[in-house]
């Protein structure tokens, strides 16, 4: 099951929930109790950059200079 990120529409807190892609669950913020909205994730591109050794905070000697991270 994938992890989805939700952001509170009131206070901006971001939380992660493990749920199926077809889930219609509504989530309330653990901080203020208001409704949360599903966020679009940047998971796949970030992982691809890390696997190629191009992550900006990587220990790779080319970190931050790789064409994949630009």
C-alpha atoms as a PDB file:
ATOM      1  CA  UNK A   1       0.000   0.000   0.000  1.00  0.00           C
ATOM      2  CA  UNK A   2       1.353   3.478  -0.853  1.00  0.00           C
ATOM      3  CA  UNK A   3       1.888   6.349   1.550  1.00  0.00           C
ATOM      4  CA  UNK A   4      -0.012   9.538   0.757  1.00  0.00           C
ATOM      5  CA  UNK A   5       0.728  13.016   2.098  1.00  0.00           C
ATOM      6  CA  UNK A   6      -2.081  15.271   3.254  1.00  0.00           C
ATOM      7  CA  UNK A   7      -1.864  18.962   4.147  1.00  0.00           C
ATOM      8  CA  UNK A   8      -4.173  20.698   6.598  1.00  0.00           C
ATOM      9  CA  UNK A   9      -6.286  23.326   4.861  1.00  0.00           C
ATOM     10  CA  UNK A  10      -6.208  25.484   7.990  1.00  0.00           C
ATOM     11  CA  UNK A  11      -2.841  25.310   9.794  1.00  0.00           C
ATOM     12  CA  UNK A  12      -0.655  23.771   7.049  1.00  0.00           C
ATOM     13  CA  UNK A  13       0.495  20.669   8.961  1.00  0.00           C
ATOM     14  CA  UNK A  14       1.554  17.821   6.634  1.00  0.00           C
ATOM     15  CA  UNK A  15       0.866  14.212   7.638  1.00  0.00           C
ATOM     16  CA  UNK A  16       1.382  10.862   5.913  1.00  0.00           C
ATOM     17  CA  UNK A  17      -1.183   8.049   5.732  1.00  0.00           C
ATOM     18  CA  UNK A  18      -0.751   4.480   4.526  1.00  0.00           C
ATOM     19  CA  UNK A  19      -3.785   3.670   2.369  1.00  0.00           C
ATOM     20  CA  UNK A  20      -4.819   2.168  -0.935  1.00  0.00           C
ATOM     21  CA  UNK A  21      -4.776   4.378  -4.012  1.00  0.00           C
ATOM     22  CA  UNK A  22      -8.536   4.013  -4.402  1.00  0.00           C
ATOM     23  CA  UNK A  23      -9.260   5.009  -0.785  1.00  0.00           C
ATOM     24  CA  UNK A  24     -11.892   7.683  -0.262  1.00  0.00           C
ATOM     25  CA  UNK A  25     -10.903   8.289   3.390  1.00  0.00           C
ATOM     26  CA  UNK A  26     -11.241  11.788   4.805  1.00  0.00           C
ATOM     27  CA  UNK A  27      -8.516  12.828   7.233  1.00  0.00           C
ATOM     28  CA  UNK A  28      -8.626  15.454   9.944  1.00  0.00           C
ATOM     29  CA  UNK A  29      -5.550  17.318  11.190  1.00  0.00           C
ATOM     30  CA  UNK A  30      -4.110  15.938  14.415  1.00  0.00           C
ATOM     31  CA  UNK A  31      -3.149  19.482  15.463  1.00  0.00           C
ATOM     32  CA  UNK A  32      -6.268  21.574  14.818  1.00  0.00           C
ATOM     33  CA  UNK A  33      -8.930  19.048  13.738  1.00  0.00           C
ATOM     34  CA  UNK A  34      -9.690  20.690  10.366  1.00  0.00           C
ATOM     35  CA  UNK A  35      -9.950  18.722   7.107  1.00  0.00           C
ATOM     36  CA  UNK A  36      -6.837  17.777   5.153  1.00  0.00           C
ATOM     37  CA  UNK A  37      -6.260  17.754   1.389  1.00  0.00           C
ATOM     38  CA  UNK A  38      -4.257  15.119  -0.492  1.00  0.00           C
ATOM     39  CA  UNK A  39      -0.994  16.519  -1.882  1.00  0.00           C
ATOM     40  CA  UNK A  40       0.762  15.593  -5.090  1.00  0.00           C
ATOM     41  CA  UNK A  41       3.953  13.779  -4.223  1.00  0.00           C
ATOM     42  CA  UNK A  42       7.422  14.331  -5.677  1.00  0.00           C
ATOM     43  CA  UNK A  43       8.508  10.892  -4.481  1.00  0.00           C
ATOM     44  CA  UNK A  44       9.354   9.269  -7.831  1.00  0.00           C
ATOM     45  CA  UNK A  45      11.576  12.037  -9.307  1.00  0.00           C
ATOM     46  CA  UNK A  46      13.452  12.491  -6.010  1.00  0.00           C
ATOM     47  CA  UNK A  47      14.181   8.759  -5.755  1.00  0.00           C
ATOM     48  CA  UNK A  48      15.349   8.671  -9.378  1.00  0.00           C
ATOM     49  CA  UNK A  49      17.822  11.499  -8.694  1.00  0.00           C
ATOM     50  CA  UNK A  50      19.106   9.820  -5.543  1.00  0.00           C
ATOM     51  CA  UNK A  51      19.609   6.496  -7.336  1.00  0.00           C
ATOM     52  CA  UNK A  52      21.568   8.212 -10.099  1.00  0.00           C
ATOM     53  CA  UNK A  53      23.885   9.841  -7.518  1.00  0.00           C
ATOM     54  CA  UNK A  54      22.651  13.319  -8.350  1.00  0.00           C
ATOM     55  CA  UNK A  55      20.833  14.370  -5.191  1.00  0.00           C
ATOM     56  CA  UNK A  56      21.930  17.829  -4.017  1.00  0.00           C
ATOM     57  CA  UNK A  57      22.654  16.590  -0.480  1.00  0.00           C
ATOM     58  CA  UNK A  58      24.272  13.393  -1.648  1.00  0.00           C
ATOM     59  CA  UNK A  59      27.799  12.305  -0.798  1.00  0.00           C
ATOM     60  CA  UNK A  60      28.313  11.870  -4.551  1.00  0.00           C
ATOM     61  CA  UNK A  61      31.179  14.071  -5.841  1.00  0.00           C
ATOM     62  CA  UNK A  62      28.831  15.445  -8.549  1.00  0.00           C
ATOM     63  CA  UNK A  63      26.028  16.365  -6.107  1.00  0.00           C
ATOM     64  CA  UNK A  64      24.145  19.413  -7.304  1.00  0.00           C
ATOM     65  CA  UNK A  65      25.939  19.493 -10.667  1.00  0.00           C
ATOM     66  CA  UNK A  66      24.267  16.539 -12.344  1.00  0.00           C
ATOM     67  CA  UNK A  67      21.969  17.417 -15.260  1.00  0.00           C
ATOM     68  CA  UNK A  68      19.259  15.189 -13.737  1.00  0.00           C
ATOM     69  CA  UNK A  69      18.913  17.485 -10.703  1.00  0.00           C
ATOM     70  CA  UNK A  70      18.551  20.715 -12.676  1.00  0.00           C
END
